[in-house]
Amino acid sequence: MTHDFKVIIPARYGSTRLPGKPLCDLAGQPMIQRVVECARASAASAVIVATDDQRILDVCAHLNIDAELTAATHRSGSDRIAEVITRRGWNDETLIINVQGDEPLLPASLINQVAANLAARTHLGLATLAYPITDSASLFDPNCVKVVFNHAGEALYFSRAPIPWQRDEFAAHPHQLPASITYWRHIGIYAYRVVALKQFVNLEPAPLELAESLEQLRALWHGMAIHVEGALEAPGPGVDTAEDLMRVLEHLERLNAAV
């Protein structure tokens, strides 16, 4: 069953680790174009880029991509998305998918999955996805965000630290991936109902959010539930650094060679 939803892609120019990231060339296409193509391959009824920079807006215009220039003062992508929602006048029950502007290899199936998950849970306002961690380097990497959730698939906590801490196995083998439990990496894709997003952006930042630098902890701190489900397909690598960019380029080269 398909559900109507819109995709909004926040794309900020001034990344501290990789300035101008949305316009980085990926095998002949700017990254933002590749992200938009991933989103357009989903069942979304609209795909919109929300940016803070005229250069990104100009590139989108040239490529016939629907885009909005939003305020440069927003603290987060969620705030940027909320501005677009207000401008477009969408009603409170509209489903919005936040696809990060640095995910040029995100499978469209995951966009459809997170939208269907939220559509099926009318009592919730937010949903996201996770994927099993299979190597110890990722488990201990603070850039790999971990999530734990309960039997109903509702998030208990997100952290840059290895959670849960497998006491006995770590005591015996402190640098190995424990075999007795599945560790989950959070995938930075969110589904919101408009009413929940409006509520979220008006909440005060939370101490846990500021400590971990993880925006989703604001929702948990203030009592908003987030549904988490295991992704049905492996997400492609995202881009935070110049090294990540090289990994994505190598991945694209392998894909092209296989065609």
Foldseek 3Di string as FASTA:
>chain_A
DADEAEEEEEDEQCFPFDHRQQQDDQPHGRLQVLLQVQQVVAPYPAYEYQYQDVVVVVVCVVVVHHYDHAHPPDPDPLVSVLVVCVVVVDDQQHKYKYDYSQQSFFHSQQVRVQSVVCVVPVVAFKEFEKAWDDWLVLLAALVFKWWDDDPQQWTPDIASHRPPDPPPVCVVPVRGDDPPDTIITTDPMMMGRSNVSVVLVPQDQDPVCVVRVPSVVSCVVVPHIYGYYYGPDDGDQGDNHPVSSVVSSVVVVVVVVVD
